[in-house]
């Protein structure tokens, strides 16, 4: 399965929607995310996934950068100014990896993409028109 690639243009507003589903490819339904806590982190590479390094960008339900989840399985990410996250310290950054962590009210934790598609890839681009 191909990795999910997300382009980020520095200074732009990010509005991404992922739909998480349960079941098989032939018969799937949206995952009920009511009451779930969701986080998405973008890091430069796998070596920094251990949590020691600060994520380049982090989305989470706790700060509103992920809209309140509902029964439709949609995870809505919102970042109003990518410059805030990527700034000059990361100006040379070419990309990174991400995944989506969901903790359901029952305490069960799931990470998406899953074993079939281990991580998504983020590609950072400089803005041409300033």
N, C-alpha and C. Protein backbone atom coordinates (compact mmCIF):
# COMPACT_ATOMS: atom_id res chain seq x y z
N UNK A 1 0.84 -1.18 0.00
CA UNK A 1 0.00 0.00 0.00
C UNK A 1 0.88 1.24 0.00
N UNK A 2 0.57 2.22 -0.81
CA UNK A 2 1.34 3.45 -0.90
C UNK A 2 1.15 4.29 0.36
N UNK A 3 2.18 5.05 0.69
CA UNK A 3 2.07 5.93 1.83
C UNK A 3 1.27 7.17 1.46
N UNK A 4 0.55 7.70 2.45
CA UNK A 4 -0.23 8.91 2.26
C UNK A 4 0.73 10.09 2.30
N UNK A 5 0.74 10.92 1.26
CA UNK A 5 1.62 12.08 1.20
C UNK A 5 0.81 13.36 1.34
N UNK A 6 1.24 14.22 2.26
CA UNK A 6 0.56 15.48 2.50
C UNK A 6 1.52 16.64 2.27
N UNK A 7 1.20 17.53 1.33
CA UNK A 7 2.06 18.69 1.11
C UNK A 7 1.71 19.82 2.09
N UNK A 8 2.73 20.51 2.57
CA UNK A 8 2.53 21.68 3.44
C UNK A 8 3.34 22.82 2.84
N UNK A 9 2.66 23.90 2.46
CA UNK A 9 3.36 25.08 1.96
C UNK A 9 3.51 26.03 3.14
N UNK A 10 4.77 26.42 3.44
CA UNK A 10 5.05 27.25 4.59
C UNK A 10 4.24 28.55 4.53
N UNK A 11 3.55 28.87 5.61
CA UNK A 11 2.73 30.07 5.69
C UNK A 11 1.27 29.86 5.34
N UNK A 12 0.92 28.69 4.80
CA UNK A 12 -0.47 28.42 4.41
C UNK A 12 -1.29 27.90 5.59
N UNK A 13 -2.59 27.93 5.42
CA UNK A 13 -3.52 27.35 6.37
C UNK A 13 -3.73 25.89 6.00
N UNK A 14 -3.66 25.00 6.99
CA UNK A 14 -3.87 23.58 6.75
C UNK A 14 -5.29 23.23 7.16
N UNK A 15 -5.99 22.54 6.29
CA UNK A 15 -7.31 21.99 6.58
C UNK A 15 -7.34 20.60 5.96
N UNK A 16 -7.07 19.58 6.75
CA UNK A 16 -7.08 18.20 6.27
C UNK A 16 -8.18 17.42 6.97
N UNK A 17 -8.80 16.51 6.27
CA UNK A 17 -9.79 15.63 6.87
C UNK A 17 -9.44 14.19 6.51
N UNK A 18 -9.33 13.37 7.53
CA UNK A 18 -9.13 11.93 7.37
C UNK A 18 -10.40 11.24 7.85
N UNK A 19 -10.82 10.20 7.18
CA UNK A 19 -11.96 9.41 7.65
C UNK A 19 -11.44 8.04 8.08
N UNK A 20 -11.57 7.73 9.37
CA UNK A 20 -11.13 6.46 9.91
C UNK A 20 -12.30 5.48 9.86
N UNK A 21 -12.02 4.27 9.38
CA UNK A 21 -13.08 3.27 9.23
C UNK A 21 -12.73 1.98 9.93
N UNK A 22 -13.77 1.23 10.27
CA UNK A 22 -13.65 -0.06 10.93
C UNK A 22 -14.22 -1.12 10.01
N UNK A 23 -13.59 -2.29 9.99
CA UNK A 23 -14.08 -3.39 9.16
C UNK A 23 -13.11 -3.73 8.05
N UNK A 24 -13.62 -4.38 7.03
CA UNK A 24 -12.78 -4.78 5.90
C UNK A 24 -12.95 -3.79 4.77
N UNK A 25 -12.09 -3.89 3.77
CA UNK A 25 -12.19 -3.00 2.62
C UNK A 25 -13.55 -3.13 1.95
N UNK A 26 -14.03 -4.35 1.84
CA UNK A 26 -15.31 -4.61 1.19
C UNK A 26 -16.50 -4.13 2.02
N UNK A 27 -16.37 -4.14 3.34
CA UNK A 27 -17.48 -3.79 4.21
C UNK A 27 -16.96 -3.00 5.40
N UNK A 28 -16.85 -1.68 5.25
CA UNK A 28 -16.35 -0.86 6.34
C UNK A 28 -17.36 0.22 6.71
N UNK A 29 -17.28 0.66 7.96
CA UNK A 29 -18.14 1.73 8.45
C UNK A 29 -17.26 2.76 9.15
N UNK A 30 -17.68 4.03 9.19
CA UNK A 30 -16.90 5.04 9.89
C UNK A 30 -16.73 4.67 11.37
N UNK A 31 -15.56 4.91 11.90
CA UNK A 31 -15.26 4.64 13.30
C UNK A 31 -15.92 5.72 14.17
N UNK A 32 -16.62 5.30 15.22
CA UNK A 32 -17.24 6.25 16.14
C UNK A 32 -16.14 6.84 17.01
N UNK A 33 -15.86 8.13 16.83
CA UNK A 33 -14.80 8.81 17.57
C UNK A 33 -15.33 9.67 18.71
N UNK A 34 -16.62 9.54 19.03
CA UNK A 34 -17.21 10.33 20.09
C UNK A 34 -16.45 10.13 21.40
N UNK A 35 -16.00 11.25 21.99
CA UNK A 35 -15.29 11.20 23.27
C UNK A 35 -13.83 10.79 23.16
N UNK A 36 -13.33 10.53 21.96
CA UNK A 36 -11.93 10.10 21.80
C UNK A 36 -10.98 11.30 21.90
N UNK A 37 -9.76 11.01 22.32
CA UNK A 37 -8.68 11.98 22.34
C UNK A 37 -7.79 11.63 21.15
N UNK A 38 -7.48 12.62 20.32
CA UNK A 38 -6.72 12.37 19.11
C UNK A 38 -5.51 13.30 19.05
N UNK A 39 -4.37 12.72 18.64
CA UNK A 39 -3.15 13.51 18.42
C UNK A 39 -2.53 13.10 17.08
N UNK A 40 -1.96 14.08 16.40
CA UNK A 40 -1.18 13.84 15.19
C UNK A 40 0.10 14.62 15.36
N UNK A 41 1.24 13.94 15.20
CA UNK A 41 2.53 14.61 15.28
C UNK A 41 3.29 14.41 13.98
N UNK A 42 3.96 15.49 13.53
CA UNK A 42 4.86 15.41 12.39
C UNK A 42 6.27 15.55 12.94
N UNK A 43 7.13 14.58 12.60
CA UNK A 43 8.53 14.58 13.04
C UNK A 43 9.42 14.43 11.81
N UNK A 44 10.67 14.91 11.92
CA UNK A 44 11.57 14.84 10.76
C UNK A 44 11.86 13.42 10.28
N UNK A 45 11.99 12.48 11.20
CA UNK A 45 12.34 11.12 10.79
C UNK A 45 12.02 10.12 11.89
N UNK A 46 12.16 8.85 11.58
CA UNK A 46 11.83 7.77 12.51
C UNK A 46 12.69 7.84 13.77
N UNK A 47 13.92 8.27 13.66
CA UNK A 47 14.82 8.32 14.81
C UNK A 47 14.30 9.24 15.91
N UNK A 48 13.45 10.18 15.57
CA UNK A 48 12.94 11.13 16.56
C UNK A 48 11.57 10.76 17.11
N UNK A 49 11.10 9.58 16.77
CA UNK A 49 9.78 9.14 17.24
C UNK A 49 9.80 8.75 18.71
N UNK A 50 10.97 8.57 19.29
CA UNK A 50 11.08 8.16 20.68
C UNK A 50 10.55 9.20 21.65
N UNK A 51 10.17 10.37 21.15
CA UNK A 51 9.59 11.39 22.01
C UNK A 51 10.60 12.37 22.56
N UNK A 52 11.89 12.14 22.32
CA UNK A 52 12.92 13.02 22.85
C UNK A 52 12.91 14.38 22.14
N UNK A 53 12.63 14.39 20.86
CA UNK A 53 12.63 15.63 20.09
C UNK A 53 11.23 16.23 20.04
N UNK A 54 11.17 17.54 19.93
CA UNK A 54 9.89 18.22 19.81
C UNK A 54 9.33 18.01 18.41
N UNK A 55 8.06 17.69 18.29
CA UNK A 55 7.47 17.55 16.96
C UNK A 55 7.56 18.86 16.18
N UNK A 56 7.66 18.76 14.85
CA UNK A 56 7.65 19.95 14.01
C UNK A 56 6.28 20.60 14.09
N UNK A 57 5.24 19.79 13.96
CA UNK A 57 3.86 20.24 14.08
C UNK A 57 3.11 19.19 14.90
N UNK A 58 2.22 19.66 15.78
CA UNK A 58 1.39 18.74 16.53
C UNK A 58 -0.06 19.24 16.49
N UNK A 59 -0.95 18.35 16.17
CA UNK A 59 -2.39 18.62 16.18
C UNK A 59 -2.98 17.79 17.32
N UNK A 60 -3.94 18.34 18.06
CA UNK A 60 -4.57 17.55 19.13
C UNK A 60 -5.94 18.12 19.48
N UNK A 61 -6.80 17.23 19.95
CA UNK A 61 -8.13 17.66 20.34
C UNK A 61 -8.05 18.60 21.55
N UNK A 62 -7.05 18.42 22.39
CA UNK A 62 -6.93 19.22 23.61
C UNK A 62 -6.76 20.72 23.34
N UNK A 63 -6.14 21.09 22.20
CA UNK A 63 -5.94 22.51 21.92
C UNK A 63 -6.78 23.03 20.76
N UNK A 64 -7.68 22.19 20.22
CA UNK A 64 -8.57 22.63 19.16
C UNK A 64 -8.00 22.55 17.75
N UNK A 65 -6.75 22.10 17.59
CA UNK A 65 -6.21 21.96 16.24
C UNK A 65 -6.75 20.70 15.56
N UNK A 66 -7.44 19.86 16.33
CA UNK A 66 -8.28 18.79 15.79
C UNK A 66 -9.68 19.07 16.31
N UNK A 67 -10.61 19.21 15.37
CA UNK A 67 -12.00 19.50 15.75
C UNK A 67 -12.56 18.36 16.60
N UNK A 68 -13.53 18.67 17.44
CA UNK A 68 -14.14 17.67 18.30
C UNK A 68 -14.65 16.49 17.47
N UNK A 69 -14.15 15.28 17.76
CA UNK A 69 -14.55 14.11 16.97
C UNK A 69 -15.99 13.68 17.22
N UNK A 70 -16.58 13.07 16.17
CA UNK A 70 -17.98 12.62 16.25
C UNK A 70 -18.11 11.20 15.73
N UNK A 71 -19.33 10.80 15.44
CA UNK A 71 -19.59 9.42 15.01
C UNK A 71 -19.27 9.15 13.55
N UNK A 72 -18.93 10.19 12.76
CA UNK A 72 -18.72 10.00 11.32
C UNK A 72 -17.31 9.56 10.94
N UNK A 73 -16.44 9.35 11.94
CA UNK A 73 -15.09 8.86 11.67
C UNK A 73 -14.14 9.90 11.15
N UNK A 74 -14.57 11.15 11.05
CA UNK A 74 -13.72 12.19 10.47
C UNK A 74 -12.80 12.82 11.51
N UNK A 75 -11.53 12.93 11.14
CA UNK A 75 -10.53 13.64 11.93
C UNK A 75 -10.20 14.90 11.14
N UNK A 76 -10.57 16.07 11.66
CA UNK A 76 -10.37 17.34 10.97
C UNK A 76 -9.22 18.10 11.61
N UNK A 77 -8.13 18.27 10.85
CA UNK A 77 -6.95 18.98 11.34
C UNK A 77 -7.00 20.43 10.85
N UNK A 78 -6.68 21.37 11.74
CA UNK A 78 -6.70 22.78 11.40
C UNK A 78 -5.44 23.44 11.94
N UNK A 79 -4.68 24.09 11.06
CA UNK A 79 -3.50 24.87 11.50
C UNK A 79 -3.54 26.15 10.69
N UNK A 80 -3.67 27.30 11.35
CA UNK A 80 -3.90 28.55 10.65
C UNK A 80 -2.66 29.15 10.00
N UNK A 81 -1.47 28.87 10.51
CA UNK A 81 -0.27 29.44 9.90
C UNK A 81 0.90 28.49 10.09
N UNK A 82 1.27 27.81 9.03
CA UNK A 82 2.34 26.82 9.12
C UNK A 82 3.67 27.48 9.46
N UNK A 83 3.85 28.78 9.18
CA UNK A 83 5.09 29.47 9.50
C UNK A 83 5.36 29.38 11.00
N UNK A 84 4.28 29.45 11.80
CA UNK A 84 4.41 29.35 13.25
C UNK A 84 5.11 28.06 13.65
N UNK A 85 4.79 26.98 12.99
CA UNK A 85 5.37 25.69 13.33
C UNK A 85 6.70 25.44 12.64
N UNK A 86 6.82 25.83 11.38
CA UNK A 86 8.02 25.48 10.64
C UNK A 86 9.08 26.56 10.71
N UNK A 87 8.71 27.81 10.98
CA UNK A 87 9.62 28.91 11.23
C UNK A 87 11.00 28.82 10.60
N UNK A 88 11.90 29.69 11.04
CA UNK A 88 13.23 29.71 10.43
C UNK A 88 14.08 28.54 10.90
N UNK A 89 13.86 28.00 12.08
CA UNK A 89 14.70 26.89 12.53
C UNK A 89 14.52 25.65 11.67
N UNK A 90 13.39 25.55 11.01
CA UNK A 90 13.13 24.40 10.15
C UNK A 90 13.04 24.79 8.68
N UNK A 91 13.59 25.96 8.32
CA UNK A 91 13.46 26.46 6.95
C UNK A 91 14.03 25.49 5.93
N UNK A 92 15.05 24.73 6.30
CA UNK A 92 15.67 23.79 5.35
C UNK A 92 15.01 22.42 5.37
N UNK A 93 14.01 22.25 6.23
CA UNK A 93 13.35 20.97 6.35
C UNK A 93 12.66 20.56 5.06
N UNK A 94 12.88 19.35 4.62
CA UNK A 94 12.29 18.89 3.37
C UNK A 94 11.02 18.08 3.59
N UNK A 95 10.88 17.47 4.74
CA UNK A 95 9.69 16.67 4.98
C UNK A 95 9.74 15.98 6.32
N UNK A 96 8.79 15.09 6.52
CA UNK A 96 8.73 14.37 7.77
C UNK A 96 7.74 13.23 7.67
N UNK A 97 7.47 12.63 8.80
CA UNK A 97 6.53 11.51 8.88
C UNK A 97 5.46 11.85 9.91
N UNK A 98 4.31 11.19 9.80
CA UNK A 98 3.25 11.43 10.78
C UNK A 98 2.42 10.16 10.94
N UNK A 99 1.68 10.12 12.05
CA UNK A 99 0.62 9.14 12.22
C UNK A 99 -0.47 9.77 13.07
N UNK A 100 -1.57 9.08 13.21
CA UNK A 100 -2.72 9.57 13.97
C UNK A 100 -2.95 8.63 15.15
N UNK A 101 -2.90 9.17 16.37
CA UNK A 101 -3.12 8.36 17.57
C UNK A 101 -4.50 8.68 18.12
N UNK A 102 -5.31 7.64 18.30
CA UNK A 102 -6.65 7.79 18.84
C UNK A 102 -6.74 7.00 20.13
N UNK A 103 -7.17 7.67 21.21
CA UNK A 103 -7.45 6.99 22.47
C UNK A 103 -8.95 7.09 22.69
N UNK A 104 -9.61 5.94 22.63
CA UNK A 104 -11.05 5.88 22.79
C UNK A 104 -11.43 6.00 24.26
N UNK A 105 -12.67 6.41 24.57
CA UNK A 105 -13.10 6.55 25.96
C UNK A 105 -12.88 5.28 26.79
N UNK A 106 -12.87 4.12 26.14
CA UNK A 106 -12.65 2.85 26.84
C UNK A 106 -11.19 2.67 27.26
N UNK A 107 -10.30 3.56 26.77
CA UNK A 107 -8.87 3.44 27.07
C UNK A 107 -8.08 2.73 25.97
N UNK A 108 -8.77 2.14 25.00
CA UNK A 108 -8.09 1.47 23.89
C UNK A 108 -7.42 2.53 23.03
N UNK A 109 -6.13 2.27 22.68
CA UNK A 109 -5.37 3.19 21.85
C UNK A 109 -5.10 2.55 20.50
N UNK A 110 -5.36 3.28 19.42
CA UNK A 110 -5.10 2.81 18.06
C UNK A 110 -4.30 3.87 17.32
N UNK A 111 -3.39 3.41 16.48
CA UNK A 111 -2.60 4.32 15.66
C UNK A 111 -2.91 4.07 14.20
N UNK A 112 -3.16 5.14 13.47
CA UNK A 112 -3.45 5.09 12.03
C UNK A 112 -2.44 5.98 11.33
N UNK A 113 -2.03 5.75 10.13
CA UNK A 113 -2.22 4.52 9.39
C UNK A 113 -1.70 3.35 10.20
N UNK A 114 -2.08 2.15 9.82
CA UNK A 114 -1.72 0.96 10.60
C UNK A 114 -0.64 0.15 9.90
N UNK A 115 -0.53 -1.13 10.24
CA UNK A 115 0.53 -1.98 9.70
C UNK A 115 0.52 -2.06 8.18
N UNK A 116 -0.64 -1.88 7.57
CA UNK A 116 -0.71 -1.93 6.11
C UNK A 116 -0.13 -0.68 5.47
N UNK A 117 -0.13 0.42 6.19
CA UNK A 117 0.43 1.69 5.72
C UNK A 117 1.03 2.38 6.93
N UNK A 118 2.30 2.02 7.28
CA UNK A 118 2.88 2.38 8.56
C UNK A 118 2.91 3.86 8.94
N UNK A 119 3.21 4.75 8.01
CA UNK A 119 3.30 6.17 8.33
C UNK A 119 2.90 6.99 7.12
N UNK A 120 2.41 8.16 7.41
CA UNK A 120 2.19 9.11 6.33
C UNK A 120 3.44 9.94 6.15
N UNK A 121 3.57 10.57 5.02
CA UNK A 121 4.73 11.39 4.71
C UNK A 121 4.26 12.82 4.48
N UNK A 122 4.98 13.78 5.08
CA UNK A 122 4.70 15.19 4.90
C UNK A 122 5.82 15.80 4.08
N UNK A 123 5.46 16.59 3.07
CA UNK A 123 6.45 17.26 2.24
C UNK A 123 6.28 18.77 2.46
N UNK A 124 7.34 19.43 2.97
CA UNK A 124 7.31 20.86 3.20
C UNK A 124 7.81 21.60 1.96
N UNK A 125 7.10 22.67 1.61
CA UNK A 125 7.50 23.48 0.47
C UNK A 125 7.56 24.93 0.88
N UNK A 126 8.56 25.66 0.38
CA UNK A 126 8.65 27.10 0.63
C UNK A 126 7.60 27.81 -0.22
N UNK A 127 7.05 28.87 0.32
CA UNK A 127 6.08 29.68 -0.40
C UNK A 127 6.81 30.50 -1.46
N UNK A 128 6.33 30.51 -2.68
CA UNK A 128 6.97 31.27 -3.76
C UNK A 128 6.55 32.74 -3.68
N UNK A 129 5.27 32.99 -3.48
CA UNK A 129 4.75 34.36 -3.39
C UNK A 129 4.69 34.76 -1.93
N UNK A 130 5.48 35.75 -1.54
CA UNK A 130 5.51 36.17 -0.13
C UNK A 130 4.57 37.33 0.08
